[in-house]
């Protein structure tokens, strides 16, 4: 089974555009959607409604910065301070151009910081490129190899 892509996005419009873009990139990875930072942490830590999800980390976390309950920076901080999650690629996908947000994200260990393009075509291309890079081209760290699709 291919590793899923975890999409953490609360804005319905951005969520729909991101899904369209990932679909156009023809990735076979499942996209798991959560709408707030608390749910992202529950998914990653296999707690709450995600306690029974299959073991393993996502191929990449596409993380919005401004989220309800727990913001993106707080999610990133927990991911980077949790032993089994430290090596998970995290891409901050946000509309914030704020220098403090960019700087803090990199200080906390984000792999990439991508400002969402306003124009639809650019947005679709940016998301497709991200998906292909992190889910297909990126070589994961030792011990977290890609898994093959299983028939269940």
N, C-alpha and C. Protein backbone atom coordinates (compact mmCIF):
# COMPACT_ATOMS: atom_id res chain seq x y z
N UNK A 1 0.84 -1.18 0.00
CA UNK A 1 0.00 0.00 0.00
C UNK A 1 0.89 1.24 0.00
N UNK A 2 0.59 2.18 -0.87
CA UNK A 2 1.34 3.43 -0.90
C UNK A 2 1.03 4.23 0.34
N UNK A 3 2.01 4.99 0.79
CA UNK A 3 1.78 5.84 1.95
C UNK A 3 0.81 6.95 1.57
N UNK A 4 -0.08 7.30 2.48
CA UNK A 4 -1.04 8.37 2.18
C UNK A 4 -0.39 9.75 2.27
N UNK A 5 -1.08 10.71 1.71
CA UNK A 5 -0.74 12.12 1.88
C UNK A 5 -1.72 12.66 2.90
N UNK A 6 -1.22 13.29 3.96
CA UNK A 6 -2.09 13.89 4.96
C UNK A 6 -2.26 15.36 4.61
N UNK A 7 -3.49 15.74 4.31
CA UNK A 7 -3.82 17.12 3.97
C UNK A 7 -4.56 17.75 5.14
N UNK A 8 -3.97 18.79 5.73
CA UNK A 8 -4.55 19.46 6.88
C UNK A 8 -4.97 20.86 6.41
N UNK A 9 -6.26 21.02 6.16
CA UNK A 9 -6.79 22.25 5.56
C UNK A 9 -8.19 22.51 6.07
N UNK A 10 -8.44 23.72 6.53
CA UNK A 10 -9.78 24.05 7.05
C UNK A 10 -10.61 24.86 6.08
N UNK A 11 -9.99 25.49 5.09
CA UNK A 11 -10.72 26.32 4.14
C UNK A 11 -11.32 25.44 3.04
N UNK A 12 -12.66 25.40 2.92
CA UNK A 12 -13.28 24.51 1.93
C UNK A 12 -12.82 24.77 0.50
N UNK A 13 -12.61 26.02 0.14
CA UNK A 13 -12.18 26.34 -1.23
C UNK A 13 -10.76 25.82 -1.48
N UNK A 14 -9.85 26.09 -0.55
CA UNK A 14 -8.47 25.61 -0.71
C UNK A 14 -8.41 24.09 -0.68
N UNK A 15 -9.25 23.48 0.14
CA UNK A 15 -9.32 22.03 0.20
C UNK A 15 -9.72 21.45 -1.15
N UNK A 16 -10.76 22.00 -1.73
CA UNK A 16 -11.24 21.50 -3.03
C UNK A 16 -10.18 21.71 -4.12
N UNK A 17 -9.56 22.87 -4.13
CA UNK A 17 -8.53 23.15 -5.14
C UNK A 17 -7.33 22.21 -4.98
N UNK A 18 -6.95 21.94 -3.74
CA UNK A 18 -5.82 21.04 -3.49
C UNK A 18 -6.15 19.63 -3.95
N UNK A 19 -7.36 19.18 -3.68
CA UNK A 19 -7.76 17.83 -4.13
C UNK A 19 -7.80 17.74 -5.64
N UNK A 20 -8.29 18.77 -6.30
CA UNK A 20 -8.31 18.80 -7.77
C UNK A 20 -6.88 18.71 -8.30
N UNK A 21 -5.99 19.49 -7.70
CA UNK A 21 -4.60 19.50 -8.14
C UNK A 21 -3.93 18.15 -7.94
N UNK A 22 -4.16 17.53 -6.79
CA UNK A 22 -3.57 16.22 -6.54
C UNK A 22 -4.13 15.17 -7.50
N UNK A 23 -5.41 15.27 -7.80
CA UNK A 23 -6.04 14.35 -8.74
C UNK A 23 -5.43 14.51 -10.14
N UNK A 24 -5.20 15.74 -10.53
CA UNK A 24 -4.61 15.99 -11.86
C UNK A 24 -3.19 15.49 -11.97
N UNK A 25 -2.50 15.39 -10.84
CA UNK A 25 -1.13 14.88 -10.88
C UNK A 25 -1.10 13.36 -10.98
N UNK A 26 -2.27 12.73 -10.89
CA UNK A 26 -2.47 11.29 -11.06
C UNK A 26 -1.66 10.45 -10.08
N UNK A 27 -1.53 10.95 -8.86
CA UNK A 27 -0.88 10.16 -7.82
C UNK A 27 -1.83 9.07 -7.36
N UNK A 28 -1.29 7.91 -7.07
CA UNK A 28 -2.12 6.81 -6.60
C UNK A 28 -2.29 6.83 -5.09
N UNK A 29 -1.56 7.72 -4.41
CA UNK A 29 -1.63 7.79 -2.96
C UNK A 29 -3.01 8.24 -2.50
N UNK A 30 -3.48 7.60 -1.43
CA UNK A 30 -4.71 8.05 -0.79
C UNK A 30 -4.43 9.42 -0.15
N UNK A 31 -5.42 10.31 -0.19
CA UNK A 31 -5.30 11.60 0.48
C UNK A 31 -6.22 11.56 1.69
N UNK A 32 -5.62 11.68 2.88
CA UNK A 32 -6.37 11.72 4.12
C UNK A 32 -6.55 13.20 4.47
N UNK A 33 -7.81 13.58 4.70
CA UNK A 33 -8.12 14.98 4.96
C UNK A 33 -8.53 15.15 6.41
N UNK A 34 -7.92 16.11 7.08
CA UNK A 34 -8.37 16.53 8.40
C UNK A 34 -8.51 18.05 8.35
N UNK A 35 -9.43 18.57 9.17
CA UNK A 35 -9.81 19.99 9.05
C UNK A 35 -9.24 20.89 10.13
N UNK A 36 -8.50 20.32 11.10
CA UNK A 36 -7.90 21.17 12.13
C UNK A 36 -6.64 20.50 12.66
N UNK A 37 -5.85 21.28 13.40
CA UNK A 37 -4.58 20.78 13.91
C UNK A 37 -4.72 19.67 14.93
N UNK A 38 -5.76 19.72 15.72
CA UNK A 38 -5.99 18.67 16.71
C UNK A 38 -6.21 17.32 16.03
N UNK A 39 -7.02 17.31 14.98
CA UNK A 39 -7.28 16.08 14.23
C UNK A 39 -6.00 15.59 13.54
N UNK A 40 -5.17 16.52 13.07
CA UNK A 40 -3.90 16.13 12.44
C UNK A 40 -3.02 15.39 13.43
N UNK A 41 -2.94 15.90 14.65
CA UNK A 41 -2.12 15.25 15.67
C UNK A 41 -2.71 13.90 16.07
N UNK A 42 -4.03 13.82 16.16
CA UNK A 42 -4.67 12.53 16.47
C UNK A 42 -4.35 11.51 15.38
N UNK A 43 -4.41 11.94 14.12
CA UNK A 43 -4.10 11.03 13.02
C UNK A 43 -2.65 10.57 13.11
N UNK A 44 -1.74 11.51 13.23
CA UNK A 44 -0.31 11.19 13.24
C UNK A 44 0.07 10.31 14.43
N UNK A 45 -0.55 10.55 15.57
CA UNK A 45 -0.22 9.81 16.78
C UNK A 45 -1.11 8.58 17.00
N UNK A 46 -1.99 8.32 16.02
CA UNK A 46 -2.90 7.17 16.08
C UNK A 46 -3.71 7.19 17.38
N UNK A 47 -4.39 8.31 17.60
CA UNK A 47 -5.22 8.48 18.79
C UNK A 47 -6.65 8.84 18.39
N UNK A 48 -7.54 8.80 19.37
CA UNK A 48 -8.93 9.20 19.13
C UNK A 48 -9.55 8.40 18.00
N UNK A 49 -10.19 9.10 17.05
CA UNK A 49 -10.86 8.39 15.95
C UNK A 49 -9.88 7.67 15.01
N UNK A 50 -8.58 7.93 15.15
CA UNK A 50 -7.58 7.32 14.27
C UNK A 50 -6.76 6.25 14.99
N UNK A 51 -7.19 5.84 16.17
CA UNK A 51 -6.44 4.85 16.96
C UNK A 51 -6.30 3.53 16.21
N UNK A 52 -7.25 3.20 15.36
CA UNK A 52 -7.22 1.93 14.64
C UNK A 52 -6.67 2.04 13.22
N UNK A 53 -6.18 3.20 12.83
CA UNK A 53 -5.66 3.32 11.47
C UNK A 53 -4.41 2.47 11.32
N UNK A 54 -4.11 2.04 10.09
CA UNK A 54 -2.91 1.21 9.89
C UNK A 54 -1.66 1.94 10.37
N UNK A 55 -0.69 1.16 10.83
CA UNK A 55 0.58 1.74 11.28
C UNK A 55 1.31 2.39 10.11
N UNK A 56 2.20 3.29 10.43
CA UNK A 56 3.02 3.96 9.42
C UNK A 56 2.67 5.42 9.31
N UNK A 57 3.63 6.16 8.82
CA UNK A 57 3.47 7.60 8.66
C UNK A 57 3.12 7.95 7.22
N UNK A 58 2.52 9.12 7.03
CA UNK A 58 2.20 9.54 5.66
C UNK A 58 3.47 9.85 4.86
N UNK A 59 3.33 9.84 3.55
CA UNK A 59 4.44 10.20 2.67
C UNK A 59 4.83 11.65 2.90
N UNK A 60 3.83 12.50 3.14
CA UNK A 60 4.05 13.92 3.38
C UNK A 60 2.82 14.48 4.09
N UNK A 61 3.04 15.51 4.88
CA UNK A 61 1.94 16.26 5.49
C UNK A 61 1.90 17.62 4.81
N UNK A 62 0.78 17.92 4.17
CA UNK A 62 0.55 19.26 3.61
C UNK A 62 -0.24 20.00 4.66
N UNK A 63 0.40 20.97 5.31
CA UNK A 63 -0.12 21.57 6.53
C UNK A 63 -0.41 23.06 6.36
N UNK A 64 -1.64 23.44 6.58
CA UNK A 64 -1.99 24.86 6.58
C UNK A 64 -1.45 25.49 7.85
N UNK A 65 -1.14 26.75 7.81
CA UNK A 65 -0.59 27.45 8.96
C UNK A 65 -1.67 27.87 9.95
N UNK A 66 -2.71 28.46 9.43
CA UNK A 66 -3.77 29.00 10.28
C UNK A 66 -4.93 28.00 10.34
N UNK A 67 -4.96 27.25 11.44
CA UNK A 67 -5.94 26.18 11.63
C UNK A 67 -6.70 26.38 12.94
N UNK A 68 -7.92 25.87 13.00
CA UNK A 68 -8.63 25.89 14.27
C UNK A 68 -8.03 24.89 15.26
N UNK A 69 -8.29 25.12 16.52
CA UNK A 69 -7.91 24.26 17.66
C UNK A 69 -6.41 24.28 17.91
N UNK A 70 -5.61 23.76 17.00
CA UNK A 70 -4.15 23.74 17.12
C UNK A 70 -3.61 24.26 15.79
N UNK A 71 -2.81 25.35 15.82
CA UNK A 71 -2.35 25.91 14.55
C UNK A 71 -1.21 25.09 13.94
N UNK A 72 -0.88 25.40 12.70
CA UNK A 72 0.12 24.63 11.96
C UNK A 72 1.49 24.61 12.61
N UNK A 73 1.89 25.73 13.20
CA UNK A 73 3.19 25.78 13.86
C UNK A 73 3.22 24.86 15.08
N UNK A 74 2.12 24.80 15.80
CA UNK A 74 2.04 23.91 16.96
C UNK A 74 2.07 22.44 16.52
N UNK A 75 1.37 22.13 15.43
CA UNK A 75 1.40 20.76 14.89
C UNK A 75 2.84 20.41 14.50
N UNK A 76 3.49 21.31 13.79
CA UNK A 76 4.87 21.08 13.35
C UNK A 76 5.79 20.86 14.55
N UNK A 77 5.60 21.65 15.59
CA UNK A 77 6.44 21.52 16.79
C UNK A 77 6.27 20.15 17.43
N UNK A 78 5.04 19.65 17.51
CA UNK A 78 4.80 18.32 18.07
C UNK A 78 5.41 17.25 17.18
N UNK A 79 5.23 17.37 15.88
CA UNK A 79 5.78 16.38 14.94
C UNK A 79 7.29 16.29 15.10
N UNK A 80 7.96 17.42 15.15
CA UNK A 80 9.42 17.42 15.23
C UNK A 80 9.94 17.02 16.61
N UNK A 81 9.09 17.03 17.62
CA UNK A 81 9.54 16.64 18.96
C UNK A 81 9.07 15.23 19.34
N UNK A 82 8.44 14.52 18.40
CA UNK A 82 7.95 13.17 18.66
C UNK A 82 8.82 12.17 17.91
N UNK A 83 9.42 11.26 18.65
CA UNK A 83 10.39 10.32 18.10
C UNK A 83 9.95 9.65 16.79
N UNK A 84 8.79 9.06 16.76
CA UNK A 84 8.35 8.32 15.58
C UNK A 84 7.88 9.18 14.42
N UNK A 85 7.81 10.49 14.62
CA UNK A 85 7.29 11.39 13.58
C UNK A 85 8.33 12.35 13.02
N UNK A 86 9.48 12.46 13.67
CA UNK A 86 10.48 13.48 13.31
C UNK A 86 10.84 13.50 11.83
N UNK A 87 10.91 12.34 11.21
CA UNK A 87 11.37 12.28 9.81
C UNK A 87 10.25 12.45 8.78
N UNK A 88 9.00 12.63 9.24
CA UNK A 88 7.90 12.81 8.29
C UNK A 88 8.06 14.16 7.59
N UNK A 89 8.08 14.17 6.25
CA UNK A 89 8.17 15.45 5.55
C UNK A 89 6.92 16.29 5.80
N UNK A 90 7.14 17.54 6.15
CA UNK A 90 6.04 18.47 6.39
C UNK A 90 6.24 19.68 5.48
N UNK A 91 5.20 19.98 4.70
CA UNK A 91 5.21 21.14 3.83
C UNK A 91 4.14 22.10 4.34
N UNK A 92 4.57 23.29 4.74
CA UNK A 92 3.64 24.32 5.16
C UNK A 92 3.03 24.89 3.89
N UNK A 93 1.74 24.78 3.77
CA UNK A 93 1.01 25.23 2.58
C UNK A 93 0.03 26.28 3.05
N UNK A 94 0.36 27.55 2.81
CA UNK A 94 -0.37 28.63 3.45
C UNK A 94 -0.49 29.85 2.57
N UNK A 95 -1.36 30.74 2.95
CA UNK A 95 -1.49 32.01 2.23
C UNK A 95 -0.65 33.10 2.89
N UNK A 96 0.02 32.78 3.99
CA UNK A 96 0.79 33.78 4.73
C UNK A 96 2.16 34.04 4.10
N UNK A 97 2.39 35.32 3.80
CA UNK A 97 3.70 35.76 3.32
C UNK A 97 4.52 36.34 4.47
N UNK A 98 3.97 36.31 5.68
CA UNK A 98 4.62 36.94 6.82
C UNK A 98 6.00 36.33 7.07
N UNK A 99 7.00 37.19 7.13
CA UNK A 99 8.36 36.73 7.35
C UNK A 99 8.49 35.96 8.66
N UNK A 100 7.76 36.39 9.69
CA UNK A 100 7.84 35.69 10.98
C UNK A 100 7.29 34.26 10.87
N UNK A 101 6.24 34.06 10.06
CA UNK A 101 5.68 32.71 9.86
C UNK A 101 6.68 31.82 9.13
N UNK A 102 7.30 32.37 8.09
CA UNK A 102 8.29 31.61 7.31
C UNK A 102 9.46 31.23 8.22
N UNK A 103 10.00 32.22 8.93
CA UNK A 103 11.16 32.00 9.79
C UNK A 103 10.84 30.98 10.88
N UNK A 104 9.71 31.13 11.54
CA UNK A 104 9.34 30.21 12.62
C UNK A 104 9.15 28.79 12.09
N UNK A 105 8.54 28.66 10.91
CA UNK A 105 8.34 27.34 10.31
C UNK A 105 9.67 26.63 10.09
N UNK A 106 10.65 27.35 9.54
CA UNK A 106 11.95 26.74 9.30
C UNK A 106 12.69 26.47 10.61
N UNK A 107 12.54 27.35 11.58
CA UNK A 107 13.16 27.11 12.89
C UNK A 107 12.63 25.82 13.52
N UNK A 108 11.35 25.53 13.28
CA UNK A 108 10.73 24.33 13.84
C UNK A 108 10.98 23.08 13.00
N UNK A 109 11.60 23.24 11.83
CA UNK A 109 11.99 22.07 11.04
C UNK A 109 11.10 21.72 9.87
N UNK A 110 10.36 22.69 9.33
CA UNK A 110 9.54 22.40 8.16
C UNK A 110 10.45 22.05 6.97
N UNK A 111 10.01 21.16 6.11
CA UNK A 111 10.80 20.79 4.93
C UNK A 111 10.67 21.79 3.81
N UNK A 112 9.50 22.42 3.71
CA UNK A 112 9.27 23.42 2.66
C UNK A 112 8.15 24.34 3.11
N UNK A 113 8.21 25.57 2.64
CA UNK A 113 7.18 26.56 2.95
C UNK A 113 6.67 27.09 1.61
N UNK A 114 5.42 26.80 1.31
CA UNK A 114 4.85 27.17 0.01
C UNK A 114 3.67 28.11 0.23
N UNK A 115 3.76 29.28 -0.38
CA UNK A 115 2.65 30.22 -0.31
C UNK A 115 1.67 29.85 -1.42
N UNK A 116 0.42 29.68 -1.04
CA UNK A 116 -0.61 29.30 -2.00
C UNK A 116 -0.77 30.39 -3.05
N UNK A 117 -0.59 30.03 -4.32
CA UNK A 117 -0.84 31.01 -5.37
C UNK A 117 -2.33 31.34 -5.44
N UNK A 118 -2.64 32.59 -5.77
CA UNK A 118 -4.02 33.03 -5.85
C UNK A 118 -4.67 32.54 -7.15
N UNK A 119 -3.90 32.50 -8.22
CA UNK A 119 -4.42 32.12 -9.53
C UNK A 119 -4.59 30.60 -9.61
N UNK A 120 -5.73 30.15 -10.07
CA UNK A 120 -6.08 28.73 -10.06
C UNK A 120 -5.04 27.86 -10.75
N UNK A 121 -4.63 28.22 -11.95
CA UNK A 121 -3.70 27.39 -12.71
C UNK A 121 -2.37 27.24 -11.96
N UNK A 122 -1.87 28.32 -11.40
CA UNK A 122 -0.62 28.27 -10.63
C UNK A 122 -0.79 27.40 -9.39
N UNK A 123 -1.94 27.51 -8.74
CA UNK A 123 -2.21 26.73 -7.54
C UNK A 123 -2.20 25.24 -7.87
N UNK A 124 -2.90 24.86 -8.93
CA UNK A 124 -2.96 23.46 -9.36
C UNK A 124 -1.56 22.94 -9.68
N UNK A 125 -0.78 23.72 -10.40
CA UNK A 125 0.58 23.30 -10.76
C UNK A 125 1.45 23.14 -9.53
N UNK A 126 1.35 24.08 -8.60
CA UNK A 126 2.17 24.03 -7.39
C UNK A 126 1.84 22.79 -6.56
N UNK A 127 0.57 22.50 -6.38
CA UNK A 127 0.16 21.34 -5.59
C UNK A 127 0.56 20.04 -6.29
N UNK A 128 0.36 19.97 -7.59
CA UNK A 128 0.74 18.77 -8.34
C UNK A 128 2.23 18.52 -8.21
N UNK A 129 3.03 19.56 -8.34
CA UNK A 129 4.48 19.42 -8.20
C UNK A 129 4.86 18.95 -6.80
N UNK A 130 4.21 19.51 -5.79
CA UNK A 130 4.47 19.10 -4.40
C UNK A 130 4.15 17.63 -4.21
N UNK A 131 2.98 17.22 -4.67
CA UNK A 131 2.55 15.84 -4.51
C UNK A 131 3.51 14.87 -5.17
N UNK A 132 3.89 15.17 -6.39
CA UNK A 132 4.80 14.29 -7.13
C UNK A 132 6.16 14.23 -6.44
N UNK A 133 6.67 15.37 -6.01
CA UNK A 133 7.98 15.38 -5.37
C UNK A 133 7.98 14.56 -4.09
N UNK A 134 7.05 14.88 -3.17
CA UNK A 134 7.11 14.25 -1.85
C UNK A 134 6.59 12.81 -1.85
N UNK A 135 5.64 12.49 -2.70
CA UNK A 135 5.07 11.14 -2.68
C UNK A 135 5.79 10.18 -3.62
N UNK A 136 6.48 10.70 -4.63
CA UNK A 136 7.10 9.83 -5.63
C UNK A 136 8.62 10.00 -5.70
N UNK A 137 9.10 11.21 -5.86
CA UNK A 137 10.52 11.44 -6.12
C UNK A 137 11.39 11.46 -4.87
N UNK A 138 10.87 11.98 -3.77
CA UNK A 138 11.66 12.10 -2.56
C UNK A 138 12.03 10.72 -2.02
N UNK A 139 13.30 10.57 -1.66
CA UNK A 139 13.77 9.33 -1.06
C UNK A 139 13.57 9.44 0.45
N UNK A 140 12.71 8.58 1.04
CA UNK A 140 12.47 8.69 2.48
C UNK A 140 13.70 8.27 3.27
N UNK A 141 13.78 8.70 4.54
CA UNK A 141 14.93 8.32 5.36
C UNK A 141 14.97 6.81 5.59
N UNK A 142 16.15 6.28 5.88
CA UNK A 142 16.26 4.85 6.16
C UNK A 142 15.29 4.43 7.26
N UNK A 143 14.69 3.27 7.08
CA UNK A 143 13.76 2.76 8.08
C UNK A 143 12.32 3.18 7.84
N UNK A 144 12.09 4.04 6.87
CA UNK A 144 10.72 4.47 6.59
C UNK A 144 10.40 4.26 5.12
N UNK A 145 10.85 3.14 4.59
CA UNK A 145 10.70 2.88 3.16
C UNK A 145 9.24 2.86 2.75
N UNK A 146 9.05 3.13 1.49
CA UNK A 146 7.69 3.12 0.94
C UNK A 146 7.13 1.72 1.04
N UNK A 147 5.85 1.65 1.28
CA UNK A 147 5.21 0.35 1.34
C UNK A 147 4.47 0.09 0.05
N UNK A 148 4.31 -1.14 -0.27
CA UNK A 148 3.61 -1.53 -1.50
C UNK A 148 2.11 -1.66 -1.26
N UNK A 149 1.36 -1.52 -2.31
CA UNK A 149 -0.10 -1.66 -2.23
C UNK A 149 -0.45 -3.11 -1.91
N UNK A 150 -1.33 -3.30 -0.92
CA UNK A 150 -1.80 -4.63 -0.56
C UNK A 150 -3.23 -4.80 -1.01
N UNK A 151 -3.59 -6.02 -1.35
CA UNK A 151 -4.98 -6.31 -1.69
C UNK A 151 -5.65 -6.80 -0.41
N UNK A 152 -6.72 -6.14 -0.03
CA UNK A 152 -7.40 -6.52 1.21
C UNK A 152 -8.78 -7.04 0.93
